[in-house]
Amino acid sequence: MPSLFEGIQGFAGASGVGVMCLTALFFGASVFATNLPALADFIAVSTTWSGIVTIPILVVAYVVGVLAIAVVESVTGADIVELDTLQGLSARRFSQLEQEAEILSGSVIAFLLVAAAAFLNVWAYPGWARTLMICGGGSVVTALGAWRVSRVKHQAAARLARRTCSQPGRGLEGDAV
């Protein structure tokens, strides 16, 4: 059972991925709905409106983040690991590696959406074409890096679980993950 701190980390990670996705969708949509930024600015200055929508937006961001994580995880197919013998530090480290890998997996979609928004904005703001192309390309490279690191973390977690399960009673002592 995850601790309260681990649960908060999971919520914050998925919410962060969701906020990134929603922000990228907003920037992409603002290319076609040119009054969208002005409307968002008008709504944001209203204290009543921001107080009413803060929690629902956070919930939507969390759900979007969880969906982004699930999409990438289902496409790349992480190994299923038997966790019966993991305890103590090994279980915590395994959980941390898996959580980080999942957040990185979800951020792949977020960075690809940011790249798409940057490339769409080249059309709306041709004077910023070079800067937006560099940002879009950088976001694609970052997405690829996040995907690769997430795979490495999944593999490290699987190695940790296999080592710990093959040597009952052994925790993290001597493990170099």
C-alpha atoms as a PDB file:
ATOM      1  CA  MET A   1       0.000   0.000   0.000  1.00  0.00           C
ATOM      2  CA  PRO A   2       1.498   3.347  -1.000  1.00  0.00           C
ATOM      3  CA  SER A   3       2.131   5.937   1.671  1.00  0.00           C
ATOM      4  CA  LEU A   4       0.342   9.285   1.707  1.00  0.00           C
ATOM      5  CA  PHE A   5       3.476  10.941   0.319  1.00  0.00           C
ATOM      6  CA  GLU A   6       3.680   8.463  -2.573  1.00  0.00           C
ATOM      7  CA  GLY A   7      -0.017   8.996  -3.307  1.00  0.00           C
ATOM      8  CA  ILE A   8       0.455  12.765  -3.411  1.00  0.00           C
ATOM      9  CA  GLN A   9       3.479  12.322  -5.699  1.00  0.00           C
ATOM     10  CA  GLY A  10       1.407  10.215  -8.076  1.00  0.00           C
ATOM     11  CA  PHE A  11      -1.418  12.739  -8.116  1.00  0.00           C
ATOM     12  CA  ALA A  12       0.987  15.645  -8.630  1.00  0.00           C
ATOM     13  CA  GLY A  13       2.829  13.848 -11.434  1.00  0.00           C
ATOM     14  CA  ALA A  14      -0.311  12.916 -13.341  1.00  0.00           C
ATOM     15  CA  SER A  15      -1.764  16.397 -12.760  1.00  0.00           C
ATOM     16  CA  GLY A  16       1.431  18.003 -14.057  1.00  0.00           C
ATOM     17  CA  VAL A  17       1.288  15.904 -17.219  1.00  0.00           C
ATOM     18  CA  GLY A  18      -2.388  16.804 -17.623  1.00  0.00           C
ATOM     19  CA  VAL A  19      -1.757  20.528 -17.168  1.00  0.00           C
ATOM     20  CA  MET A  20       0.954  20.353 -19.820  1.00  0.00           C
ATOM     21  CA  CYS A  21      -1.414  18.566 -22.213  1.00  0.00           C
ATOM     22  CA  LEU A  22      -4.240  21.033 -21.585  1.00  0.00           C
ATOM     23  CA  THR A  23      -1.892  24.006 -22.015  1.00  0.00           C
ATOM     24  CA  ALA A  24      -0.623  22.622 -25.313  1.00  0.00           C
ATOM     25  CA  LEU A  25      -4.198  22.047 -26.488  1.00  0.00           C
ATOM     26  CA  PHE A  26      -5.057  25.627 -25.504  1.00  0.00           C
ATOM     27  CA  PHE A  27      -2.110  27.015 -27.513  1.00  0.00           C
ATOM     28  CA  GLY A  28      -2.991  24.811 -30.466  1.00  0.00           C
ATOM     29  CA  ALA A  29      -6.666  25.804 -30.360  1.00  0.00           C
ATOM     30  CA  SER A  30      -5.771  29.499 -30.090  1.00  0.00           C
ATOM     31  CA  VAL A  31      -4.394  29.315 -33.641  1.00  0.00           C
ATOM     32  CA  PHE A  32      -7.906  28.706 -34.945  1.00  0.00           C
ATOM     33  CA  ALA A  33      -9.948  30.525 -32.267  1.00  0.00           C
ATOM     34  CA  THR A  34      -8.045  33.812 -32.226  1.00  0.00           C
ATOM     35  CA  ASN A  35     -10.240  35.303 -29.474  1.00  0.00           C
ATOM     36  CA  LEU A  36      -9.490  32.410 -27.089  1.00  0.00           C
ATOM     37  CA  PRO A  37      -6.490  34.064 -25.333  1.00  0.00           C
ATOM     38  CA  ALA A  38      -8.480  37.275 -24.774  1.00  0.00           C
ATOM     39  CA  LEU A  39     -11.412  35.279 -23.391  1.00  0.00           C
ATOM     40  CA  ALA A  40      -9.101  33.292 -21.077  1.00  0.00           C
ATOM     41  CA  ASP A  41      -7.534  36.537 -19.861  1.00  0.00           C
ATOM     42  CA  PHE A  42     -10.973  38.059 -19.230  1.00  0.00           C
ATOM     43  CA  ILE A  43     -12.094  34.993 -17.262  1.00  0.00           C
ATOM     44  CA  ALA A  44      -8.817  34.679 -15.327  1.00  0.00           C
ATOM     45  CA  VAL A  45      -9.123  38.148 -13.745  1.00  0.00           C
ATOM     46  CA  SER A  46     -12.510  37.265 -12.238  1.00  0.00           C
ATOM     47  CA  THR A  47     -11.932  36.035  -8.675  1.00  0.00           C
ATOM     48  CA  THR A  48     -15.319  34.344  -8.574  1.00  0.00           C
ATOM     49  CA  TRP A  49     -14.752  32.388 -11.766  1.00  0.00           C
ATOM     50  CA  SER A  50     -11.236  31.282 -10.865  1.00  0.00           C
ATOM     51  CA  GLY A  51     -12.479  30.147  -7.449  1.00  0.00           C
ATOM     52  CA  ILE A  52     -15.259  28.090  -9.008  1.00  0.00           C
ATOM     53  CA  VAL A  53     -13.213  26.328 -11.696  1.00  0.00           C
ATOM     54  CA  THR A  54      -9.918  25.655  -9.926  1.00  0.00           C
ATOM     55  CA  ILE A  55     -10.812  22.222  -8.531  1.00  0.00           C
ATOM     56  CA  PRO A  56     -12.658  20.977 -11.650  1.00  0.00           C
ATOM     57  CA  ILE A  57      -9.734  22.040 -13.850  1.00  0.00           C
ATOM     58  CA  LEU A  58      -7.311  20.211 -11.555  1.00  0.00           C
ATOM     59  CA  VAL A  59      -9.480  17.085 -11.711  1.00  0.00           C
ATOM     60  CA  VAL A  60      -9.666  17.306 -15.503  1.00  0.00           C
ATOM     61  CA  ALA A  61      -5.897  17.797 -15.637  1.00  0.00           C
ATOM     62  CA  TYR A  62      -5.398  14.710 -13.456  1.00  0.00           C
ATOM     63  CA  VAL A  63      -7.680  12.610 -15.669  1.00  0.00           C
ATOM     64  CA  VAL A  64      -5.964  13.851 -18.841  1.00  0.00           C
ATOM     65  CA  GLY A  65      -2.583  13.057 -17.260  1.00  0.00           C
ATOM     66  CA  VAL A  66      -3.656   9.543 -16.278  1.00  0.00           C
ATOM     67  CA  LEU A  67      -4.990   8.969 -19.803  1.00  0.00           C
ATOM     68  CA  ALA A  68      -1.746  10.219 -21.362  1.00  0.00           C
ATOM     69  CA  ILE A  69       0.247   7.890 -19.103  1.00  0.00           C
ATOM     70  CA  ALA A  70      -2.051   4.956 -19.919  1.00  0.00           C
ATOM     71  CA  VAL A  71      -1.826   5.552 -23.669  1.00  0.00           C
ATOM     72  CA  VAL A  72       1.976   5.526 -23.746  1.00  0.00           C
ATOM     73  CA  GLU A  73       2.215   2.624 -21.288  1.00  0.00           C
ATOM     74  CA  SER A  74      -0.195   0.540 -23.380  1.00  0.00           C
ATOM     75  CA  VAL A  75       1.641   1.304 -26.611  1.00  0.00           C
ATOM     76  CA  THR A  76       5.116   0.562 -25.267  1.00  0.00           C
ATOM     77  CA  GLY A  77       4.034  -2.370 -23.099  1.00  0.00           C
ATOM     78  CA  ALA A  78       5.817  -2.417 -19.763  1.00  0.00           C
ATOM     79  CA  ASP A  79       6.745  -5.799 -18.263  1.00  0.00           C
ATOM     80  CA  ILE A  80       4.527  -7.146 -15.526  1.00  0.00           C
ATOM     81  CA  VAL A  81       6.505  -7.877 -12.387  1.00  0.00           C
ATOM     82  CA  GLU A  82       5.480 -10.183  -9.537  1.00  0.00           C
ATOM     83  CA  LEU A  83       5.699  -8.134  -6.331  1.00  0.00           C
ATOM     84  CA  ASP A  84       4.954 -10.700  -3.643  1.00  0.00           C
ATOM     85  CA  THR A  85       8.478 -10.778  -2.215  1.00  0.00           C
ATOM     86  CA  LEU A  86       9.315  -7.080  -2.473  1.00  0.00           C
ATOM     87  CA  GLN A  87       9.376  -5.454   0.945  1.00  0.00           C
ATOM     88  CA  GLY A  88      10.916  -2.498   2.712  1.00  0.00           C
ATOM     89  CA  LEU A  89      13.431  -0.420   0.809  1.00  0.00           C
ATOM     90  CA  SER A  90      13.242  -2.597  -2.287  1.00  0.00           C
ATOM     91  CA  ALA A  91       9.480  -2.101  -2.551  1.00  0.00           C
ATOM     92  CA  ARG A  92       9.834   1.655  -2.073  1.00  0.00           C
ATOM     93  CA  ARG A  93      12.592   1.944  -4.666  1.00  0.00           C
ATOM     94  CA  PHE A  94      10.620  -0.191  -7.118  1.00  0.00           C
ATOM     95  CA  SER A  95       7.556   1.983  -6.583  1.00  0.00           C
ATOM     96  CA  GLN A  96       9.592   5.161  -7.069  1.00  0.00           C
ATOM     97  CA  LEU A  97      11.170   3.900 -10.307  1.00  0.00           C
ATOM     98  CA  GLU A  98       7.802   2.827 -11.701  1.00  0.00           C
ATOM     99  CA  GLN A  99       6.158   6.116 -10.735  1.00  0.00           C
ATOM    100  CA  GLU A 100       8.911   8.167 -12.376  1.00  0.00           C
ATOM    101  CA  ALA A 101       8.739   5.987 -15.488  1.00  0.00           C
ATOM    102  CA  GLU A 102       4.973   6.469 -15.748  1.00  0.00           C
ATOM    103  CA  ILE A 103       5.219  10.251 -15.366  1.00  0.00           C
ATOM    104  CA  LEU A 104       7.917  10.373 -18.028  1.00  0.00           C
ATOM    105  CA  SER A 105       5.759   8.207 -20.299  1.00  0.00           C
ATOM    106  CA  GLY A 106       2.826  10.585 -19.955  1.00  0.00           C
ATOM    107  CA  SER A 107       5.052  13.584 -20.582  1.00  0.00           C
ATOM    108  CA  VAL A 108       5.868  12.140 -24.014  1.00  0.00           C
ATOM    109  CA  ILE A 109       2.316  12.944 -25.136  1.00  0.00           C
ATOM    110  CA  ALA A 110       2.467  16.345 -23.432  1.00  0.00           C
ATOM    111  CA  PHE A 111       5.705  17.316 -25.200  1.00  0.00           C
ATOM    112  CA  LEU A 112       4.375  16.084 -28.552  1.00  0.00           C
ATOM    113  CA  LEU A 113       1.279  18.241 -28.047  1.00  0.00           C
ATOM    114  CA  VAL A 114       3.503  21.225 -27.205  1.00  0.00           C
ATOM    115  CA  ALA A 115       5.465  20.557 -30.407  1.00  0.00           C
ATOM    116  CA  ALA A 116       2.254  20.371 -32.444  1.00  0.00           C
ATOM    117  CA  ALA A 117       1.053  23.656 -30.926  1.00  0.00           C
ATOM    118  CA  ALA A 118       4.386  25.310 -31.728  1.00  0.00           C
ATOM    119  CA  PHE A 119       4.261  24.103 -35.332  1.00  0.00           C
ATOM    120  CA  LEU A 120       0.626  25.264 -35.675  1.00  0.00           C
ATOM    121  CA  ASN A 121       1.553  28.688 -34.341  1.00  0.00           C
ATOM    122  CA  VAL A 122       4.119  29.074 -37.130  1.00  0.00           C
ATOM    123  CA  TRP A 123       1.128  29.472 -39.414  1.00  0.00           C
ATOM    124  CA  ALA A 124      -0.530  32.078 -37.145  1.00  0.00           C
ATOM    125  CA  TYR A 125       2.662  34.021 -36.353  1.00  0.00           C
ATOM    126  CA  PRO A 126       4.987  33.815 -39.376  1.00  0.00           C
ATOM    127  CA  GLY A 127       7.360  36.398 -37.851  1.00  0.00           C
ATOM    128  CA  TRP A 128       8.105  33.933 -35.066  1.00  0.00           C
ATOM    129  CA  ALA A 129       8.585  30.983 -37.396  1.00  0.00           C
ATOM    130  CA  ARG A 130      12.224  30.292 -36.552  1.00  0.00           C
ATOM    131  CA  THR A 131      11.692  30.472 -32.793  1.00  0.00           C
ATOM    132  CA  LEU A 132       8.541  28.340 -32.933  1.00  0.00           C
ATOM    133  CA  MET A 133      10.231  25.747 -35.161  1.00  0.00           C
ATOM    134  CA  ILE A 134      13.148  25.496 -32.721  1.00  0.00           C
ATOM    135  CA  CYS A 135      10.726  25.153 -29.798  1.00  0.00           C
ATOM    136  CA  GLY A 136       8.708  22.523 -31.660  1.00  0.00           C
ATOM    137  CA  GLY A 137      11.821  20.572 -32.603  1.00  0.00           C
ATOM    138  CA  GLY A 138      13.144  20.840 -29.058  1.00  0.00           C
ATOM    139  CA  SER A 139       9.851  19.524 -27.722  1.00  0.00           C
ATOM    140  CA  VAL A 140      10.029  16.525 -30.056  1.00  0.00           C
ATOM    141  CA  VAL A 141      13.594  15.786 -28.933  1.00  0.00           C
ATOM    142  CA  THR A 142      12.529  16.162 -25.299  1.00  0.00           C
ATOM    143  CA  ALA A 143       9.604  13.771 -25.889  1.00  0.00           C
ATOM    144  CA  LEU A 144      11.974  11.183 -27.352  1.00  0.00           C
ATOM    145  CA  GLY A 145      14.337  11.629 -24.402  1.00  0.00           C
ATOM    146  CA  ALA A 146      11.482  11.267 -21.901  1.00  0.00           C
ATOM    147  CA  TRP A 147      10.332   8.091 -23.640  1.00  0.00           C
ATOM    148  CA  ARG A 148      13.842   6.616 -23.553  1.00  0.00           C
ATOM    149  CA  VAL A 149      14.404   7.471 -19.884  1.00  0.00           C
ATOM    150  CA  SER A 150      10.995   6.022 -18.979  1.00  0.00           C
ATOM    151  CA  ARG A 151      11.982   2.728 -20.626  1.00  0.00           C
ATOM    152  CA  VAL A 152      15.296   2.725 -18.732  1.00  0.00           C
ATOM    153  CA  LYS A 153      13.475   3.301 -15.423  1.00  0.00           C
ATOM    154  CA  HIS A 154      10.981   0.493 -16.168  1.00  0.00           C
ATOM    155  CA  GLN A 155      13.883  -1.844 -16.939  1.00  0.00           C
ATOM    156  CA  ALA A 156      15.703  -0.818 -13.750  1.00  0.00           C
ATOM    157  CA  ALA A 157      12.562  -1.515 -11.703  1.00  0.00           C
ATOM    158  CA  ALA A 158      12.161  -4.922 -13.353  1.00  0.00           C
ATOM    159  CA  ARG A 159      15.841  -5.757 -12.672  1.00  0.00           C
ATOM    160  CA  LEU A 160      15.432  -4.715  -9.042  1.00  0.00           C
ATOM    161  CA  ALA A 161      12.351  -6.901  -8.666  1.00  0.00           C
ATOM    162  CA  ARG A 162      14.020  -9.898 -10.324  1.00  0.00           C
ATOM    163  CA  ARG A 163      17.151  -9.574  -8.165  1.00  0.00           C
ATOM    164  CA  THR A 164      15.180  -9.171  -4.975  1.00  0.00           C
ATOM    165  CA  CYS A 165      12.795 -12.031  -5.811  1.00  0.00           C
ATOM    166  CA  SER A 166      15.614 -14.386  -6.779  1.00  0.00           C
ATOM    167  CA  GLN A 167      17.407 -13.698  -3.492  1.00  0.00           C
ATOM    168  CA  PRO A 168      14.750 -13.819  -0.745  1.00  0.00           C
ATOM    169  CA  GLY A 169      15.516 -11.762   2.310  1.00  0.00           C
ATOM    170  CA  ARG A 170      17.787  -9.410   0.395  1.00  0.00           C
ATOM    171  CA  GLY A 171      16.786  -5.762   0.231  1.00  0.00           C
ATOM    172  CA  LEU A 172      18.526  -2.894  -1.470  1.00  0.00           C
ATOM    173  CA  GLU A 173      21.851  -3.583   0.208  1.00  0.00           C
ATOM    174  CA  GLY A 174      24.376  -4.093  -2.542  1.00  0.00           C
ATOM    175  CA  ASP A 175      21.925  -3.227  -5.320  1.00  0.00           C
ATOM    176  CA  ALA A 176      23.169  -0.528  -7.648  1.00  0.00           C
ATOM    177  CA  VAL A 177      20.114   0.731  -9.485  1.00  0.00           C
END
